[in-house]
Amino acid sequence: MIGLLSIVALGFFLGMRHATDPDHVIAVTTIVSRYRKISHAALIGAVWGVGHTLTILLVGSGIILFGWVIPARVGLSMEFSVGLMLILLGVLNLTGTLQWITNTFSSTVGTSGPAHSHPHSHGDYIHTHPHQHEPEAHSHASEQTPLGWFDRHFGQIGLYQAVRPLIVGLVHGLAGSAAVALLVLTTIQNPKWAVAYLLVFGIGTIAGMMLITGAMVLPFAYANKRFSRLNQGLRIASGLISVAFGLFLVYEIGFVNGLLTSHPHWTPH
């Protein structure tokens, strides 16, 4: 029992620490720089963690249970994809494309028009009354509906906002899965317990990223309320850091580790 509890505790806290890796933090900073509420940012972090955990479990379980061997060029390519993704996120943030996509696919975007009546819904609550589509013209508060609490906290997280951190988490998990699985194999000989460790590790990563993203949104929210120029500067800084770190990873993996040469060499880390 003590050994099991030790494995669970170790996996959870190492997962939380794993969430603080520089490439993880930079990627989610680029995403949550557009948000102003801690609940929204924490949800983004949780979705990222779910994507990360899925690939860690899939690839890691294959290595542990079936003895998958990942060639050097494939392993480097998985890590190379993280660098490319950071560059893409940074460029989208700097050009304002992320904001345009967020506005376009947000679940709160509506159309304006004159007052009229037709059935409409708040979540699964459907009713009819005269109204306009401008938010300020709505005749009752959203909290008066059965799903008002969920609408207030998560209504602005549309499909795109959920898919984006999920994909980023999947890519990060793919890049780090081999290293985590090989580390587990050297310490836990029982394959079933090793896979269980990966699951606990993933849960710890989800918790850690939720804490990080929740704390990360505070300076953006503060700047947005008081200094619009400072807020814009924070967004630009997060985009530049993302591009710079992505270029560094591309150079290191592509040339130092030899992915783009004829002699790749890869040590999972």
C-alpha atoms as a PDB file:
ATOM      1  CA  MET A   1       0.000   0.000   0.000  1.00  0.00           C
ATOM      2  CA  ILE A   2       2.819   2.419   0.825  1.00  0.00           C
ATOM      3  CA  GLY A   3       4.445   1.641  -2.520  1.00  0.00           C
ATOM      4  CA  LEU A   4       1.178   2.325  -4.367  1.00  0.00           C
ATOM      5  CA  LEU A   5       0.616   5.619  -2.559  1.00  0.00           C
ATOM      6  CA  SER A   6       4.190   6.628  -3.324  1.00  0.00           C
ATOM      7  CA  ILE A   7       3.673   5.936  -7.032  1.00  0.00           C
ATOM      8  CA  VAL A   8       0.414   7.929  -7.084  1.00  0.00           C
ATOM      9  CA  ALA A   9       1.925  10.892  -5.216  1.00  0.00           C
ATOM     10  CA  LEU A  10       5.091  10.887  -7.305  1.00  0.00           C
ATOM     11  CA  GLY A  11       3.203  10.682 -10.578  1.00  0.00           C
ATOM     12  CA  PHE A  12       0.800  13.466  -9.633  1.00  0.00           C
ATOM     13  CA  PHE A  13       3.421  15.950  -8.473  1.00  0.00           C
ATOM     14  CA  LEU A  14       5.803  15.163 -11.335  1.00  0.00           C
ATOM     15  CA  GLY A  15       2.865  15.749 -13.672  1.00  0.00           C
ATOM     16  CA  MET A  16       2.280  19.145 -12.093  1.00  0.00           C
ATOM     17  CA  ARG A  17       5.966  19.974 -12.484  1.00  0.00           C
ATOM     18  CA  HIS A  18       5.870  18.779 -16.093  1.00  0.00           C
ATOM     19  CA  ALA A  19       3.202  21.397 -16.791  1.00  0.00           C
ATOM     20  CA  THR A  20       5.779  24.117 -16.030  1.00  0.00           C
ATOM     21  CA  ASP A  21       8.123  23.131 -18.879  1.00  0.00           C
ATOM     22  CA  PRO A  22       9.012  26.263 -20.888  1.00  0.00           C
ATOM     23  CA  ASP A  23       7.452  25.129 -24.181  1.00  0.00           C
ATOM     24  CA  HIS A  24       4.185  24.281 -22.391  1.00  0.00           C
ATOM     25  CA  VAL A  25       3.994  27.601 -20.565  1.00  0.00           C
ATOM     26  CA  ILE A  26       4.840  29.653 -23.659  1.00  0.00           C
ATOM     27  CA  ALA A  27       2.224  27.866 -25.756  1.00  0.00           C
ATOM     28  CA  VAL A  28      -0.623  28.358 -23.286  1.00  0.00           C
ATOM     29  CA  THR A  29       0.449  31.958 -22.606  1.00  0.00           C
ATOM     30  CA  THR A  30      -0.109  32.721 -26.281  1.00  0.00           C
ATOM     31  CA  ILE A  31      -3.579  31.207 -26.033  1.00  0.00           C
ATOM     32  CA  VAL A  32      -4.815  32.627 -22.720  1.00  0.00           C
ATOM     33  CA  SER A  33      -3.527  36.147 -23.440  1.00  0.00           C
ATOM     34  CA  ARG A  34      -6.923  36.716 -25.065  1.00  0.00           C
ATOM     35  CA  TYR A  35      -8.901  35.811 -21.944  1.00  0.00           C
ATOM     36  CA  ARG A  36      -9.825  37.953 -18.943  1.00  0.00           C
ATOM     37  CA  LYS A  37     -11.457  35.462 -16.548  1.00  0.00           C
ATOM     38  CA  ILE A  38      -9.626  32.950 -14.395  1.00  0.00           C
ATOM     39  CA  SER A  39     -12.370  30.345 -14.957  1.00  0.00           C
ATOM     40  CA  HIS A  40     -11.985  30.593 -18.748  1.00  0.00           C
ATOM     41  CA  ALA A  41      -8.198  30.379 -18.569  1.00  0.00           C
ATOM     42  CA  ALA A  42      -8.306  27.412 -16.173  1.00  0.00           C
ATOM     43  CA  LEU A  43     -10.694  25.614 -18.524  1.00  0.00           C
ATOM     44  CA  ILE A  44      -8.278  26.192 -21.405  1.00  0.00           C
ATOM     45  CA  GLY A  45      -5.505  24.732 -19.259  1.00  0.00           C
ATOM     46  CA  ALA A  46      -7.643  21.695 -18.437  1.00  0.00           C
ATOM     47  CA  VAL A  47      -8.408  21.060 -22.123  1.00  0.00           C
ATOM     48  CA  TRP A  48      -4.700  21.360 -22.952  1.00  0.00           C
ATOM     49  CA  GLY A  49      -3.957  18.868 -20.180  1.00  0.00           C
ATOM     50  CA  VAL A  50      -6.535  16.404 -21.510  1.00  0.00           C
ATOM     51  CA  GLY A  51      -4.957  16.500 -24.980  1.00  0.00           C
ATOM     52  CA  HIS A  52      -1.493  16.079 -23.469  1.00  0.00           C
ATOM     53  CA  THR A  53      -2.645  13.143 -21.339  1.00  0.00           C
ATOM     54  CA  LEU A  54      -4.317  11.364 -24.269  1.00  0.00           C
ATOM     55  CA  THR A  55      -1.128  11.150 -26.319  1.00  0.00           C
ATOM     56  CA  ILE A  56       1.019  10.367 -23.280  1.00  0.00           C
ATOM     57  CA  LEU A  57      -1.285   7.432 -22.499  1.00  0.00           C
ATOM     58  CA  LEU A  58      -1.547   6.224 -26.102  1.00  0.00           C
ATOM     59  CA  VAL A  59       2.117   6.349 -27.079  1.00  0.00           C
ATOM     60  CA  GLY A  60       3.436   5.610 -23.592  1.00  0.00           C
ATOM     61  CA  SER A  61       1.218   2.551 -23.220  1.00  0.00           C
ATOM     62  CA  GLY A  62       2.388   1.288 -26.599  1.00  0.00           C
ATOM     63  CA  ILE A  63       6.023   1.575 -25.506  1.00  0.00           C
ATOM     64  CA  ILE A  64       5.363  -0.058 -22.125  1.00  0.00           C
ATOM     65  CA  LEU A  65       2.947  -2.820 -23.126  1.00  0.00           C
ATOM     66  CA  PHE A  66       3.958  -3.633 -26.701  1.00  0.00           C
ATOM     67  CA  GLY A  67       7.610  -2.614 -26.746  1.00  0.00           C
ATOM     68  CA  TRP A  68       7.238   0.023 -29.441  1.00  0.00           C
ATOM     69  CA  VAL A  69      10.577   1.400 -30.588  1.00  0.00           C
ATOM     70  CA  ILE A  70      10.503   4.967 -31.893  1.00  0.00           C
ATOM     71  CA  PRO A  71      13.187   5.681 -34.542  1.00  0.00           C
ATOM     72  CA  ALA A  72      15.362   8.730 -34.009  1.00  0.00           C
ATOM     73  CA  ARG A  73      13.954  10.609 -36.975  1.00  0.00           C
ATOM     74  CA  VAL A  74      10.360   9.984 -35.851  1.00  0.00           C
ATOM     75  CA  GLY A  75      11.139  11.066 -32.290  1.00  0.00           C
ATOM     76  CA  LEU A  76      12.860  14.222 -33.478  1.00  0.00           C
ATOM     77  CA  SER A  77       9.962  14.964 -35.819  1.00  0.00           C
ATOM     78  CA  MET A  78       7.518  14.822 -32.906  1.00  0.00           C
ATOM     79  CA  GLU A  79       9.622  17.329 -30.993  1.00  0.00           C
ATOM     80  CA  PHE A  80      10.168  19.418 -34.137  1.00  0.00           C
ATOM     81  CA  SER A  81       6.378  19.774 -34.460  1.00  0.00           C
ATOM     82  CA  VAL A  82       6.316  21.584 -31.113  1.00  0.00           C
ATOM     83  CA  GLY A  83       8.718  24.230 -32.427  1.00  0.00           C
ATOM     84  CA  LEU A  84       6.629  24.731 -35.575  1.00  0.00           C
ATOM     85  CA  MET A  85       3.476  24.994 -33.503  1.00  0.00           C
ATOM     86  CA  LEU A  86       4.999  27.653 -31.224  1.00  0.00           C
ATOM     87  CA  ILE A  87       6.028  29.685 -34.266  1.00  0.00           C
ATOM     88  CA  LEU A  88       2.513  29.397 -35.718  1.00  0.00           C
ATOM     89  CA  LEU A  89       0.844  30.406 -32.453  1.00  0.00           C
ATOM     90  CA  GLY A  90       3.178  33.380 -32.082  1.00  0.00           C
ATOM     91  CA  VAL A  91       2.610  34.601 -35.635  1.00  0.00           C
ATOM     92  CA  LEU A  92      -1.173  34.246 -35.303  1.00  0.00           C
ATOM     93  CA  ASN A  93      -1.061  36.195 -32.055  1.00  0.00           C
ATOM     94  CA  LEU A  94       1.125  38.980 -33.454  1.00  0.00           C
ATOM     95  CA  THR A  95      -0.965  39.445 -36.584  1.00  0.00           C
ATOM     96  CA  GLY A  96      -4.263  39.480 -34.706  1.00  0.00           C
ATOM     97  CA  THR A  97      -5.461  36.360 -36.488  1.00  0.00           C
ATOM     98  CA  LEU A  98      -6.152  34.615 -33.183  1.00  0.00           C
ATOM     99  CA  GLN A  99      -8.468  37.440 -32.118  1.00  0.00           C
ATOM    100  CA  TRP A 100     -10.312  37.350 -35.446  1.00  0.00           C
ATOM    101  CA  ILE A 101     -10.805  33.585 -35.253  1.00  0.00           C
ATOM    102  CA  THR A 102     -11.920  33.840 -31.626  1.00  0.00           C
ATOM    103  CA  ASN A 103     -14.516  36.478 -32.502  1.00  0.00           C
ATOM    104  CA  THR A 104     -15.689  34.558 -35.554  1.00  0.00           C
ATOM    105  CA  PHE A 105     -16.157  31.219 -33.817  1.00  0.00           C
ATOM    106  CA  SER A 106     -17.161  32.462 -30.368  1.00  0.00           C
ATOM    107  CA  SER A 107     -20.476  31.128 -29.151  1.00  0.00           C
ATOM    108  CA  THR A 108     -21.451  34.630 -27.999  1.00  0.00           C
ATOM    109  CA  VAL A 109     -21.274  36.281 -31.419  1.00  0.00           C
ATOM    110  CA  GLY A 110     -24.749  37.289 -32.533  1.00  0.00           C
ATOM    111  CA  THR A 111     -26.499  39.438 -35.105  1.00  0.00           C
ATOM    112  CA  SER A 112     -28.171  42.771 -34.507  1.00  0.00           C
ATOM    113  CA  GLY A 113     -31.675  43.705 -35.578  1.00  0.00           C
ATOM    114  CA  PRO A 114     -34.991  45.237 -34.543  1.00  0.00           C
ATOM    115  CA  ALA A 115     -37.070  43.954 -31.651  1.00  0.00           C
ATOM    116  CA  HIS A 116     -39.071  40.810 -32.454  1.00  0.00           C
ATOM    117  CA  SER A 117     -40.322  37.592 -30.905  1.00  0.00           C
ATOM    118  CA  HIS A 118     -39.356  34.003 -31.574  1.00  0.00           C
ATOM    119  CA  PRO A 119     -38.393  31.003 -29.448  1.00  0.00           C
ATOM    120  CA  HIS A 120     -34.794  31.125 -28.325  1.00  0.00           C
ATOM    121  CA  SER A 121     -32.720  29.196 -25.817  1.00  0.00           C
ATOM    122  CA  HIS A 122     -30.262  29.585 -22.977  1.00  0.00           C
ATOM    123  CA  GLY A 123     -28.516  26.219 -23.019  1.00  0.00           C
ATOM    124  CA  ASP A 124     -31.400  23.738 -22.912  1.00  0.00           C
ATOM    125  CA  TYR A 125     -33.928  26.291 -21.589  1.00  0.00           C
ATOM    126  CA  ILE A 126     -36.225  27.470 -24.435  1.00  0.00           C
ATOM    127  CA  HIS A 127     -38.709  30.317 -24.151  1.00  0.00           C
ATOM    128  CA  THR A 128     -40.234  33.197 -26.115  1.00  0.00           C
ATOM    129  CA  HIS A 129     -40.417  36.929 -25.442  1.00  0.00           C
ATOM    130  CA  PRO A 130     -39.874  40.171 -27.411  1.00  0.00           C
ATOM    131  CA  HIS A 131     -36.200  40.984 -27.641  1.00  0.00           C
ATOM    132  CA  GLN A 132     -33.359  42.317 -29.768  1.00  0.00           C
ATOM    133  CA  HIS A 133     -30.095  40.534 -30.509  1.00  0.00           C
ATOM    134  CA  GLU A 134     -27.902  43.213 -28.962  1.00  0.00           C
ATOM    135  CA  PRO A 135     -26.678  41.866 -25.581  1.00  0.00           C
ATOM    136  CA  GLU A 136     -27.641  45.076 -23.790  1.00  0.00           C
ATOM    137  CA  ALA A 137     -31.208  44.880 -25.136  1.00  0.00           C
ATOM    138  CA  HIS A 138     -32.007  41.478 -23.663  1.00  0.00           C
ATOM    139  CA  SER A 139     -34.895  41.854 -21.202  1.00  0.00           C
ATOM    140  CA  HIS A 140     -33.749  39.372 -18.554  1.00  0.00           C
ATOM    141  CA  ALA A 141     -30.503  38.264 -16.984  1.00  0.00           C
ATOM    142  CA  SER A 142     -28.893  34.985 -17.998  1.00  0.00           C
ATOM    143  CA  GLU A 143     -28.643  33.866 -14.370  1.00  0.00           C
ATOM    144  CA  GLN A 144     -32.461  33.566 -14.308  1.00  0.00           C
ATOM    145  CA  THR A 145     -32.295  30.454 -16.511  1.00  0.00           C
ATOM    146  CA  PRO A 146     -31.524  26.899 -15.347  1.00  0.00           C
ATOM    147  CA  LEU A 147     -28.103  26.882 -17.010  1.00  0.00           C
ATOM    148  CA  GLY A 148     -27.279  30.499 -16.263  1.00  0.00           C
ATOM    149  CA  TRP A 149     -24.244  29.635 -14.140  1.00  0.00           C
ATOM    150  CA  PHE A 150     -22.709  27.536 -16.900  1.00  0.00           C
ATOM    151  CA  ASP A 151     -23.515  30.174 -19.512  1.00  0.00           C
ATOM    152  CA  ARG A 152     -21.819  32.890 -17.453  1.00  0.00           C
ATOM    153  CA  HIS A 153     -18.666  30.880 -16.815  1.00  0.00           C
ATOM    154  CA  PHE A 154     -18.244  28.846 -19.993  1.00  0.00           C
ATOM    155  CA  GLY A 155     -20.549  30.378 -22.612  1.00  0.00           C
ATOM    156  CA  GLN A 156     -17.711  32.273 -24.284  1.00  0.00           C
ATOM    157  CA  ILE A 157     -15.630  29.134 -24.777  1.00  0.00           C
ATOM    158  CA  GLY A 158     -16.772  28.137 -28.263  1.00  0.00           C
ATOM    159  CA  LEU A 159     -15.793  25.112 -30.307  1.00  0.00           C
ATOM    160  CA  TYR A 160     -12.660  26.733 -31.703  1.00  0.00           C
ATOM    161  CA  GLN A 161     -11.498  27.850 -28.277  1.00  0.00           C
ATOM    162  CA  ALA A 162     -11.810  24.257 -27.033  1.00  0.00           C
ATOM    163  CA  VAL A 163     -10.254  22.577 -30.072  1.00  0.00           C
ATOM    164  CA  ARG A 164      -7.198  24.849 -30.196  1.00  0.00           C
ATOM    165  CA  PRO A 165      -5.733  24.017 -26.744  1.00  0.00           C
ATOM    166  CA  LEU A 166      -6.705  20.359 -27.224  1.00  0.00           C
ATOM    167  CA  ILE A 167      -4.618  20.149 -30.412  1.00  0.00           C
ATOM    168  CA  VAL A 168      -1.723  22.009 -28.785  1.00  0.00           C
ATOM    169  CA  GLY A 169      -1.854  19.584 -25.853  1.00  0.00           C
ATOM    170  CA  LEU A 170      -1.925  16.588 -28.211  1.00  0.00           C
ATOM    171  CA  VAL A 171       1.208  17.822 -29.984  1.00  0.00           C
ATOM    172  CA  HIS A 172       3.053  18.467 -26.725  1.00  0.00           C
ATOM    173  CA  GLY A 173       2.067  15.061 -25.384  1.00  0.00           C
ATOM    174  CA  LEU A 174       3.250  13.401 -28.571  1.00  0.00           C
ATOM    175  CA  ALA A 175       6.639  15.044 -28.250  1.00  0.00           C
ATOM    176  CA  GLY A 176       7.136  14.074 -24.601  1.00  0.00           C
ATOM    177  CA  SER A 177       5.473  10.673 -24.470  1.00  0.00           C
ATOM    178  CA  ALA A 178       8.555   8.608 -25.302  1.00  0.00           C
ATOM    179  CA  ALA A 179      10.699  10.237 -22.629  1.00  0.00           C
ATOM    180  CA  VAL A 180       8.033   9.837 -19.938  1.00  0.00           C
ATOM    181  CA  ALA A 181       7.350   6.191 -20.855  1.00  0.00           C
ATOM    182  CA  LEU A 182      11.030   5.244 -20.896  1.00  0.00           C
ATOM    183  CA  LEU A 183      11.566   6.923 -17.528  1.00  0.00           C
ATOM    184  CA  VAL A 184       8.644   4.974 -16.063  1.00  0.00           C
ATOM    185  CA  LEU A 185       9.981   1.686 -17.455  1.00  0.00           C
ATOM    186  CA  THR A 186      13.272   2.148 -15.610  1.00  0.00           C
ATOM    187  CA  THR A 187      11.537   2.600 -12.241  1.00  0.00           C
ATOM    188  CA  ILE A 188       8.307   0.531 -12.410  1.00  0.00           C
ATOM    189  CA  GLN A 189       8.680  -3.028 -13.675  1.00  0.00           C
ATOM    190  CA  ASN A 190       4.982  -3.972 -13.604  1.00  0.00           C
ATOM    191  CA  PRO A 191       3.443  -2.831 -16.936  1.00  0.00           C
ATOM    192  CA  LYS A 192      -0.025  -2.294 -15.454  1.00  0.00           C
ATOM    193  CA  TRP A 193       1.310  -0.078 -12.680  1.00  0.00           C
ATOM    194  CA  ALA A 194       3.454   1.755 -15.216  1.00  0.00           C
ATOM    195  CA  VAL A 195       0.381   2.597 -17.323  1.00  0.00           C
ATOM    196  CA  ALA A 196      -1.491   3.615 -14.160  1.00  0.00           C
ATOM    197  CA  TYR A 197       1.425   5.916 -13.350  1.00  0.00           C
ATOM    198  CA  LEU A 198       1.045   7.547 -16.782  1.00  0.00           C
ATOM    199  CA  LEU A 199      -2.632   8.223 -16.028  1.00  0.00           C
ATOM    200  CA  VAL A 200      -1.844   9.788 -12.651  1.00  0.00           C
ATOM    201  CA  PHE A 201       0.972  11.753 -14.278  1.00  0.00           C
ATOM    202  CA  GLY A 202      -1.544  13.090 -16.802  1.00  0.00           C
ATOM    203  CA  ILE A 203      -4.011  14.075 -14.077  1.00  0.00           C
ATOM    204  CA  GLY A 204      -1.217  15.954 -12.323  1.00  0.00           C
ATOM    205  CA  THR A 205      -0.377  17.722 -15.581  1.00  0.00           C
ATOM    206  CA  ILE A 206      -4.010  18.784 -15.993  1.00  0.00           C
ATOM    207  CA  ALA A 207      -4.111  20.163 -12.430  1.00  0.00           C
ATOM    208  CA  GLY A 208      -0.794  21.945 -12.855  1.00  0.00           C
ATOM    209  CA  MET A 209      -1.790  23.559 -16.141  1.00  0.00           C
ATOM    210  CA  MET A 210      -5.101  24.730 -14.684  1.00  0.00           C
ATOM    211  CA  LEU A 211      -3.216  26.487 -11.877  1.00  0.00           C
ATOM    212  CA  ILE A 212      -0.706  27.980 -14.306  1.00  0.00           C
ATOM    213  CA  THR A 213      -3.285  29.306 -16.777  1.00  0.00           C
ATOM    214  CA  GLY A 214      -5.484  30.652 -13.978  1.00  0.00           C
ATOM    215  CA  ALA A 215      -2.566  32.604 -12.529  1.00  0.00           C
ATOM    216  CA  MET A 216      -1.276  33.590 -15.944  1.00  0.00           C
ATOM    217  CA  VAL A 217      -4.414  35.473 -16.950  1.00  0.00           C
ATOM    218  CA  LEU A 218      -4.195  37.861 -13.959  1.00  0.00           C
ATOM    219  CA  PRO A 219      -1.697  40.341 -15.486  1.00  0.00           C
ATOM    220  CA  PHE A 220      -3.659  40.391 -18.755  1.00  0.00           C
ATOM    221  CA  ALA A 221      -6.924  41.075 -16.909  1.00  0.00           C
ATOM    222  CA  TYR A 222      -5.287  43.799 -14.785  1.00  0.00           C
ATOM    223  CA  ALA A 223      -3.742  45.470 -17.829  1.00  0.00           C
ATOM    224  CA  ASN A 224      -6.987  45.258 -19.780  1.00  0.00           C
ATOM    225  CA  LYS A 225      -8.909  47.121 -17.083  1.00  0.00           C
ATOM    226  CA  ARG A 226      -6.340  49.873 -16.527  1.00  0.00           C
ATOM    227  CA  PHE A 227      -3.837  50.171 -19.347  1.00  0.00           C
ATOM    228  CA  SER A 228      -4.891  49.173 -22.855  1.00  0.00           C
ATOM    229  CA  ARG A 229      -1.397  49.807 -24.229  1.00  0.00           C
ATOM    230  CA  LEU A 230       0.168  47.599 -21.570  1.00  0.00           C
ATOM    231  CA  ASN A 231      -2.312  44.864 -22.441  1.00  0.00           C
ATOM    232  CA  GLN A 232      -1.370  45.102 -26.102  1.00  0.00           C
ATOM    233  CA  GLY A 233       2.294  45.012 -25.112  1.00  0.00           C
ATOM    234  CA  LEU A 234       1.758  41.815 -23.114  1.00  0.00           C
ATOM    235  CA  ARG A 235       0.093  40.191 -26.107  1.00  0.00           C
ATOM    236  CA  ILE A 236       2.920  41.213 -28.412  1.00  0.00           C
ATOM    237  CA  ALA A 237       5.503  39.997 -25.901  1.00  0.00           C
ATOM    238  CA  SER A 238       3.839  36.581 -25.602  1.00  0.00           C
ATOM    239  CA  GLY A 239       3.749  36.298 -29.397  1.00  0.00           C
ATOM    240  CA  LEU A 240       7.411  37.275 -29.802  1.00  0.00           C
ATOM    241  CA  ILE A 241       8.529  34.870 -27.076  1.00  0.00           C
ATOM    242  CA  SER A 242       6.551  32.080 -28.711  1.00  0.00           C
ATOM    243  CA  VAL A 243       8.122  32.727 -32.122  1.00  0.00           C
ATOM    244  CA  ALA A 244      11.638  33.070 -30.667  1.00  0.00           C
ATOM    245  CA  PHE A 245      11.433  29.883 -28.604  1.00  0.00           C
ATOM    246  CA  GLY A 246       9.887  28.033 -31.536  1.00  0.00           C
ATOM    247  CA  LEU A 247      12.758  29.101 -33.805  1.00  0.00           C
ATOM    248  CA  PHE A 248      15.234  27.983 -31.157  1.00  0.00           C
ATOM    249  CA  LEU A 249      13.623  24.525 -30.993  1.00  0.00           C
ATOM    250  CA  VAL A 250      13.526  24.252 -34.780  1.00  0.00           C
ATOM    251  CA  TYR A 251      17.231  25.074 -35.020  1.00  0.00           C
ATOM    252  CA  GLU A 252      18.254  22.802 -32.154  1.00  0.00           C
ATOM    253  CA  ILE A 253      16.211  19.823 -33.325  1.00  0.00           C
ATOM    254  CA  GLY A 254      16.662  20.373 -37.039  1.00  0.00           C
ATOM    255  CA  PHE A 255      20.397  21.027 -37.111  1.00  0.00           C
ATOM    256  CA  VAL A 256      22.033  20.358 -33.727  1.00  0.00           C
ATOM    257  CA  ASN A 257      20.201  17.036 -33.313  1.00  0.00           C
ATOM    258  CA  GLY A 258      20.330  16.410 -37.039  1.00  0.00           C
ATOM    259  CA  LEU A 259      16.675  15.957 -38.049  1.00  0.00           C
ATOM    260  CA  LEU A 260      17.228  17.951 -41.233  1.00  0.00           C
ATOM    261  CA  THR A 261      20.569  16.281 -41.897  1.00  0.00           C
ATOM    262  CA  SER A 262      21.507  12.742 -42.876  1.00  0.00           C
ATOM    263  CA  HIS A 263      22.672  11.769 -39.359  1.00  0.00           C
ATOM    264  CA  PRO A 264      19.925  12.357 -36.785  1.00  0.00           C
ATOM    265  CA  HIS A 265      20.626  11.511 -33.163  1.00  0.00           C
ATOM    266  CA  TRP A 266      17.894  11.528 -30.538  1.00  0.00           C
ATOM    267  CA  THR A 267      17.817  10.975 -26.804  1.00  0.00           C
ATOM    268  CA  PRO A 268      14.317  11.353 -25.275  1.00  0.00           C
ATOM    269  CA  HIS A 269      14.327  13.974 -22.519  1.00  0.00           C
END
